[in-house]
Amino acid sequence: MGEIYNSFDNKPLTKEGDIGKGQISIPHVAPPFFLEMQLIKLHNHEGANSVQLKSKATPEVIKGYRPSQREEHGTATWTGGAASSGSVVITFGTAFASAPTVLTIPADGDVNIQTAVGSITATGFTLYWKDDTGATHTSETLNWLALGV
């Protein structure tokens, strides 16, 4: 990395008064991101009267939740006889209003373990796992995340 930093010329710093409005070029910034930066510049905080950015106004930057959206997450452990696949039934601590979106992943990051979900309802889902190499396990720990209203 030293070569990258050493390749820059030593130039005097540009100060605010050196650039007129609209006179700066940022060719390495993607146009959609530059628009997002401009929209953020228009956002200001003034105590209780601050304006909240809407995700429709800044889709590339703000990926906020809907006001009533919530998440629930956890870790599930499957145990049993030596097997190369299995399933665990998960019940949410608090039911969602409708079936949420559910994401899963092996807790240890094992790339040979594939996960899937099924039977998703407002109250829970079934988490499935499978070892792609066919190796057998007596225990498998899996993480899950549910997003919904």
Foldseek 3Di string as FASTA:
>chain_A
DVVVVVPDDDDDDDDPVNADPPRDDDPVDDVLVVQLVVVVVVFDDDDPPGDDDDCVSNVPPDPDDDPPKDKDKDKDKAFDPWFQKDKDKDFTPDFAPWFWDKDKDFPVNPPQKDWDWAPTTRGTTMIMIGGNVGGTDRMTMMMMMTMHD
